[in-house]
């Protein structure tokens, strides 16, 4: 039997027979300090995260690094990441996309090439016949750049709520077609009206990237503001927008077919530019102005904006 001469397990011939009993006096670890006991070198270490923890503001490398609290009155709470208890650190704009140097997507198409009544003081081209929503450009604080500070002329807009259950591109196209139908005579007065610019989408944000609601809106031609035709569609309505006392922040850029990521980047640069200027906006309610159709092959004009919460002095 191959096991005939095998030592009896635990017997005197067992190679482990003379091994110290685990935890016994001959165990090499017998004299090791009990973890957390009085002889533990860390026994007298201040409580982790307490007010006297010497590592409270220490920086450690790694994914779960502890970070310095941003304010002296913030103390770490047990079991929670220190950084999450402090105000979120402000993000800076990379120099490669500094808003003062314009958008990486290129310059926006000039207003006088899309509006017969450009609000930037330029003269409209003879062939342009489209009416645009009018605004006044306000003076920026000293050193501010990368956006316009505007005050829109109060006016009537026709609006349609978007069904966010479907994909945003499909929903926006469907809503635009409905608004076009309103302009083409499907209204209470059966009036046919010239299309205006911009086509605007206003969002109500659930969080930084996800909207909880959205609306498409188009400026009603000024000739109809005294007695605006009512939409026949149940989910469309007309209302006065851009209260005269409430300015907006707007950033313009070009690009023939910007991606969702491009729009998001422009929004981020607008937020940071406005904050750098010491101004504040309703960040939960962004809007997009489009001055061109998707089918246009020419240079386009896109604008992202926020309603200002800082009123003009």
Protein backbone atom coordinates (compact mmCIF):
# COMPACT_ATOMS: atom_id res chain seq x y z
CA UNK A 1 0.00 0.00 0.00
CA UNK A 2 1.63 3.33 -0.99
CA UNK A 3 0.33 4.84 2.27
CA UNK A 4 1.67 2.00 4.45
CA UNK A 5 4.68 4.04 5.63
CA UNK A 6 2.81 7.38 5.79
CA UNK A 7 3.08 8.96 9.25
CA UNK A 8 -0.06 8.76 11.31
CA UNK A 9 -1.71 12.19 11.17
CA UNK A 10 -0.88 13.85 14.47
CA UNK A 11 1.39 11.05 15.55
CA UNK A 12 5.00 11.40 16.68
CA UNK A 13 6.25 10.80 13.15
CA UNK A 14 3.96 13.45 11.71
CA UNK A 15 6.17 16.32 10.42
CA UNK A 16 3.71 18.75 12.05
CA UNK A 17 3.71 16.93 15.41
CA UNK A 18 6.14 19.38 16.99
CA UNK A 19 4.52 22.49 15.44
CA UNK A 20 3.56 25.02 18.12
CA UNK A 21 -0.07 24.94 19.06
CA UNK A 22 -1.80 27.83 17.27
CA UNK A 23 -2.18 30.54 19.85
CA UNK A 24 -0.15 28.65 22.42
CA UNK A 25 2.89 29.97 24.26
CA UNK A 26 5.23 28.60 21.57
CA UNK A 27 3.19 30.17 18.76
CA UNK A 28 5.36 32.87 17.10
CA UNK A 29 2.30 35.14 17.13
CA UNK A 30 1.48 34.46 20.78
CA UNK A 31 3.03 37.72 21.93
CA UNK A 32 1.55 39.81 19.10
CA UNK A 33 -0.52 42.68 20.49
CA UNK A 34 -4.25 42.04 20.40
CA UNK A 35 -5.70 44.13 17.56
CA UNK A 36 -7.21 47.14 19.22
CA UNK A 37 -5.99 46.10 22.66
CA UNK A 38 -3.88 48.22 24.97
CA UNK A 39 -0.65 46.83 23.51
CA UNK A 40 -1.77 47.56 19.93
CA UNK A 41 0.52 50.32 18.55
CA UNK A 42 -2.60 52.03 17.15
CA UNK A 43 -4.57 51.69 20.38
CA UNK A 44 -4.00 55.30 21.36
CA UNK A 45 -4.43 56.66 17.83
CA UNK A 46 -7.17 59.33 17.66
CA UNK A 47 -10.47 58.12 16.25
CA UNK A 48 -10.42 58.06 12.45
CA UNK A 49 -12.22 61.11 11.09
CA UNK A 50 -12.54 62.72 14.51
CA UNK A 51 -11.68 66.34 15.17
CA UNK A 52 -8.22 65.36 16.45
CA UNK A 53 -7.44 62.92 13.63
CA UNK A 54 -4.02 64.06 12.33
CA UNK A 55 -4.99 62.72 8.89
CA UNK A 56 -8.24 64.68 8.71
CA UNK A 57 -6.91 66.92 5.96
CA UNK A 58 -4.34 64.51 4.53
CA UNK A 59 -4.29 63.69 0.84
CA UNK A 60 -4.01 60.04 -0.18
CA UNK A 61 -3.61 58.75 -3.74
CA UNK A 62 -6.06 56.32 -5.21
CA UNK A 63 -9.67 56.06 -6.28
CA UNK A 64 -11.04 56.45 -2.77
CA UNK A 65 -8.67 59.20 -1.71
CA UNK A 66 -9.63 61.35 1.25
CA UNK A 67 -9.53 65.00 0.34
CA UNK A 68 -9.15 68.20 2.25
CA UNK A 69 -12.42 69.76 3.34
CA UNK A 70 -12.98 72.96 1.38
CA UNK A 71 -14.00 74.98 4.44
CA UNK A 72 -12.53 75.00 7.93
CA UNK A 73 -15.94 74.53 9.56
CA UNK A 74 -16.58 71.22 7.78
CA UNK A 75 -15.56 68.09 9.66
CA UNK A 76 -15.57 64.59 8.18
CA UNK A 77 -18.47 62.38 9.19
CA UNK A 78 -17.82 58.74 9.98
CA UNK A 79 -18.50 56.44 7.04
CA UNK A 80 -18.80 59.20 4.46
CA UNK A 81 -16.39 60.53 1.88
CA UNK A 82 -14.87 63.78 3.09
CA UNK A 83 -15.06 65.40 -0.34
CA UNK A 84 -18.83 64.80 -0.56
CA UNK A 85 -19.41 66.77 2.64
CA UNK A 86 -17.66 69.86 1.29
CA UNK A 87 -19.01 72.16 -1.43
CA UNK A 88 -18.36 70.78 -4.90
CA UNK A 89 -15.07 72.16 -6.23
CA UNK A 90 -15.50 74.60 -9.11
CA UNK A 91 -14.45 73.20 -12.45
CA UNK A 92 -12.14 75.32 -14.52
CA UNK A 93 -12.32 75.59 -18.29
CA UNK A 94 -9.38 73.97 -20.09
CA UNK A 95 -7.27 76.55 -21.89
CA UNK A 96 -7.77 74.63 -25.13
CA UNK A 97 -11.48 75.56 -25.09
CA UNK A 98 -11.28 78.92 -23.32
CA UNK A 99 -14.60 80.68 -24.03
CA UNK A 100 -12.81 84.00 -24.47
CA UNK A 101 -11.30 82.54 -27.63
CA UNK A 102 -14.69 81.42 -28.98
CA UNK A 103 -16.25 78.00 -29.41
CA UNK A 104 -14.18 75.07 -30.73
CA UNK A 105 -17.14 74.47 -33.08
CA UNK A 106 -16.47 77.74 -34.84
CA UNK A 107 -18.17 81.11 -35.05
CA UNK A 108 -21.94 81.36 -35.35
CA UNK A 109 -23.55 82.58 -38.54
CA UNK A 110 -24.09 86.37 -38.20
CA UNK A 111 -27.58 87.50 -37.23
CA UNK A 112 -27.88 89.81 -40.25
CA UNK A 113 -27.74 86.72 -42.48
CA UNK A 114 -30.75 85.09 -40.81
CA UNK A 115 -32.87 87.99 -39.44
CA UNK A 116 -34.42 90.98 -41.15
CA UNK A 117 -34.29 92.79 -37.79
CA UNK A 118 -30.95 91.76 -36.24
CA UNK A 119 -30.61 92.94 -32.64
CA UNK A 120 -26.83 93.24 -32.65
CA UNK A 121 -26.84 96.58 -34.49
CA UNK A 122 -25.79 95.15 -37.86
CA UNK A 123 -27.65 95.81 -41.11
CA UNK A 124 -29.73 92.97 -42.49
CA UNK A 125 -28.99 91.61 -45.95
CA UNK A 126 -31.55 92.66 -48.56
CA UNK A 127 -32.74 89.11 -49.30
CA UNK A 128 -33.43 88.21 -45.64
CA UNK A 129 -37.15 88.43 -44.76
CA UNK A 130 -37.44 86.40 -41.54
CA UNK A 131 -38.51 88.23 -38.38
CA UNK A 132 -36.57 87.35 -35.22
CA UNK A 133 -37.27 87.86 -31.55
CA UNK A 134 -35.67 91.16 -30.57
CA UNK A 135 -33.32 91.75 -27.66
CA UNK A 136 -31.04 94.38 -26.19
CA UNK A 137 -27.41 93.52 -25.43
CA UNK A 138 -26.48 94.54 -21.88
CA UNK A 139 -23.02 95.52 -20.73
CA UNK A 140 -20.93 92.71 -19.28
CA UNK A 141 -19.06 93.12 -15.99
CA UNK A 142 -15.41 94.11 -16.41
CA UNK A 143 -13.30 91.15 -17.49
CA UNK A 144 -16.27 88.95 -18.43
CA UNK A 145 -16.15 87.13 -21.76
CA UNK A 146 -17.52 84.14 -23.65
CA UNK A 147 -21.23 85.03 -23.55
CA UNK A 148 -23.80 87.76 -24.16
CA UNK A 149 -25.92 89.35 -21.47
CA UNK A 150 -29.30 90.04 -23.13
CA UNK A 151 -32.70 91.43 -22.29
CA UNK A 152 -35.37 90.18 -24.71
CA UNK A 153 -38.26 92.35 -25.71
CA UNK A 154 -41.35 90.93 -24.05
CA UNK A 155 -43.49 89.18 -26.63
CA UNK A 156 -45.92 86.37 -27.43
CA UNK A 157 -44.64 82.88 -28.19
CA UNK A 158 -46.52 79.75 -29.19
CA UNK A 159 -45.42 76.72 -27.20
CA UNK A 160 -45.82 72.95 -27.22
CA UNK A 161 -44.85 70.53 -24.47
CA UNK A 162 -42.59 67.65 -25.51
CA UNK A 163 -43.35 64.03 -24.70
CA UNK A 164 -40.09 62.85 -23.10
CA UNK A 165 -41.20 59.20 -23.23
CA UNK A 166 -39.76 59.07 -26.75
CA UNK A 167 -36.29 59.95 -28.01
CA UNK A 168 -35.55 63.68 -27.99
CA UNK A 169 -34.73 64.06 -31.72
CA UNK A 170 -38.03 62.40 -32.76
CA UNK A 171 -40.04 64.40 -30.23
CA UNK A 172 -38.52 67.73 -31.31
CA UNK A 173 -39.17 67.03 -35.00
CA UNK A 174 -42.81 66.09 -34.28
CA UNK A 175 -43.32 69.21 -32.13
CA UNK A 176 -41.74 71.44 -34.79
CA UNK A 177 -44.14 70.05 -37.41
CA UNK A 178 -47.08 70.82 -35.11
CA UNK A 179 -45.86 74.39 -34.58
CA UNK A 180 -45.45 74.79 -38.35
CA UNK A 181 -49.06 73.65 -38.80
CA UNK A 182 -50.14 76.42 -36.40
CA UNK A 183 -48.26 79.00 -38.49
CA UNK A 184 -49.75 77.58 -41.69
CA UNK A 185 -53.36 78.20 -40.65
CA UNK A 186 -54.31 75.53 -38.11
CA UNK A 187 -55.35 78.11 -35.52
CA UNK A 188 -58.53 79.77 -34.28
CA UNK A 189 -58.34 82.58 -36.87
CA UNK A 190 -57.13 80.36 -39.74
CA UNK A 191 -54.36 82.90 -40.21
CA UNK A 192 -51.28 81.95 -42.22
CA UNK A 193 -48.20 83.55 -40.68
CA UNK A 194 -44.57 83.75 -41.71
CA UNK A 195 -42.25 81.52 -39.72
CA UNK A 196 -40.00 83.34 -37.30
CA UNK A 197 -36.65 82.66 -35.64
CA UNK A 198 -35.32 81.29 -33.44
CA UNK A 199 -36.92 77.91 -32.80
CA UNK A 200 -36.46 77.52 -29.05
CA UNK A 201 -36.39 74.47 -26.78
CA UNK A 202 -36.70 75.16 -23.05
CA UNK A 203 -35.78 72.43 -20.55
CA UNK A 204 -36.67 71.85 -16.91
CA UNK A 205 -33.82 69.74 -15.55
CA UNK A 206 -34.21 66.86 -13.09
CA UNK A 207 -30.44 66.80 -12.65
CA UNK A 208 -27.36 67.98 -14.53
CA UNK A 209 -28.01 65.83 -17.60
CA UNK A 210 -31.62 64.56 -17.44
CA UNK A 211 -34.65 66.80 -18.18
CA UNK A 212 -37.94 66.36 -16.33
CA UNK A 213 -39.82 68.49 -18.85
CA UNK A 214 -39.26 70.33 -22.13
CA UNK A 215 -41.09 72.73 -24.46
CA UNK A 216 -40.69 73.85 -28.05
CA UNK A 217 -41.47 77.52 -28.66
CA UNK A 218 -41.57 79.93 -31.58
CA UNK A 219 -41.92 83.68 -31.55
CA UNK A 220 -45.26 84.93 -32.88
CA UNK A 221 -44.93 87.57 -35.62
CA UNK A 222 -45.25 90.97 -33.95
CA UNK A 223 -48.24 91.88 -36.18
CA UNK A 224 -50.33 89.29 -34.29
CA UNK A 225 -49.31 90.16 -30.72
CA UNK A 226 -52.38 92.35 -30.06
CA UNK A 227 -54.76 89.47 -30.86
CA UNK A 228 -52.82 86.19 -31.06
CA UNK A 229 -54.60 83.28 -32.79
CA UNK A 230 -55.28 80.39 -30.43
CA UNK A 231 -53.88 76.98 -31.37
CA UNK A 232 -56.39 74.28 -32.24
CA UNK A 233 -54.17 71.52 -30.83
CA UNK A 234 -55.01 70.78 -27.18
CA UNK A 235 -51.37 70.60 -26.08
CA UNK A 236 -50.33 73.92 -27.64
CA UNK A 237 -50.76 77.35 -26.13
CA UNK A 238 -49.62 80.95 -26.51
CA UNK A 239 -48.04 82.94 -23.70
CA UNK A 240 -45.91 85.98 -23.01
CA UNK A 241 -42.27 85.06 -22.56
CA UNK A 242 -38.99 86.74 -21.63
CA UNK A 243 -40.28 89.17 -19.04
CA UNK A 244 -38.73 92.57 -19.73
CA UNK A 245 -37.13 92.69 -16.28
CA UNK A 246 -35.40 89.33 -16.54
CA UNK A 247 -32.19 89.14 -18.60
CA UNK A 248 -30.69 85.97 -20.03
CA UNK A 249 -27.17 84.68 -20.63
CA UNK A 250 -26.49 83.38 -24.14
CA UNK A 251 -23.52 81.72 -25.82
CA UNK A 252 -23.47 81.47 -29.64
CA UNK A 253 -21.55 78.98 -31.76
CA UNK A 254 -21.41 77.44 -35.22
CA UNK A 255 -21.10 73.90 -36.51
CA UNK A 256 -23.33 72.21 -39.07
CA UNK A 257 -24.41 69.25 -36.95
CA UNK A 258 -23.41 69.59 -33.28
CA UNK A 259 -23.73 66.45 -31.16
CA UNK A 260 -25.42 66.22 -27.77
CA UNK A 261 -21.93 66.32 -26.26
CA UNK A 262 -21.17 69.56 -28.14
CA UNK A 263 -24.27 71.25 -26.73
CA UNK A 264 -23.45 69.98 -23.25
CA UNK A 265 -19.91 71.37 -23.49
CA UNK A 266 -21.22 74.76 -24.61
CA UNK A 267 -23.66 74.81 -21.68
CA UNK A 268 -20.82 73.98 -19.28
CA UNK A 269 -18.61 76.74 -20.67
CA UNK A 270 -21.50 79.20 -20.45
CA UNK A 271 -22.12 78.32 -16.78
CA UNK A 272 -18.47 78.69 -15.87
CA UNK A 273 -18.09 81.94 -17.83
CA UNK A 274 -21.13 83.46 -16.11
CA UNK A 275 -19.89 82.38 -12.68
CA UNK A 276 -16.46 83.82 -13.41
CA UNK A 277 -18.21 87.13 -14.05
CA UNK A 278 -19.85 86.97 -10.60
CA UNK A 279 -23.36 86.44 -12.02
CA UNK A 280 -25.90 83.70 -11.35
CA UNK A 281 -28.49 81.96 -13.50
CA UNK A 282 -31.38 79.53 -13.19
CA UNK A 283 -29.16 76.55 -14.06
CA UNK A 284 -32.12 74.15 -13.81
CA UNK A 285 -33.83 75.84 -16.77
CA UNK A 286 -31.55 75.98 -19.85
CA UNK A 287 -32.76 76.77 -23.34
CA UNK A 288 -31.51 76.34 -26.91
CA UNK A 289 -32.08 78.78 -29.78
CA UNK A 290 -31.80 77.40 -33.32
CA UNK A 291 -31.58 79.85 -36.22
CA UNK A 292 -31.24 77.25 -38.98
CA UNK A 293 -33.03 74.15 -40.19
CA UNK A 294 -31.29 70.76 -40.08
CA UNK A 295 -31.59 70.63 -43.88
CA UNK A 296 -29.58 73.84 -44.37
CA UNK A 297 -26.17 73.29 -45.91
CA UNK A 298 -24.90 76.76 -45.07
CA UNK A 299 -23.11 77.88 -41.96
CA UNK A 300 -25.47 77.67 -38.97
CA UNK A 301 -26.18 79.60 -35.82
CA UNK A 302 -26.84 77.81 -32.52
CA UNK A 303 -27.27 79.40 -29.09
CA UNK A 304 -27.46 77.98 -25.59
CA UNK A 305 -28.71 80.06 -22.69
CA UNK A 306 -30.03 80.37 -19.15
CA UNK A 307 -32.46 82.74 -17.54
CA UNK A 308 -30.59 85.11 -15.25
CA UNK A 309 -31.33 85.33 -11.56
CA UNK A 310 -29.14 88.44 -11.30
CA UNK A 311 -31.17 91.41 -12.50
CA UNK A 312 -29.67 94.40 -14.25
CA UNK A 313 -28.80 97.26 -11.90
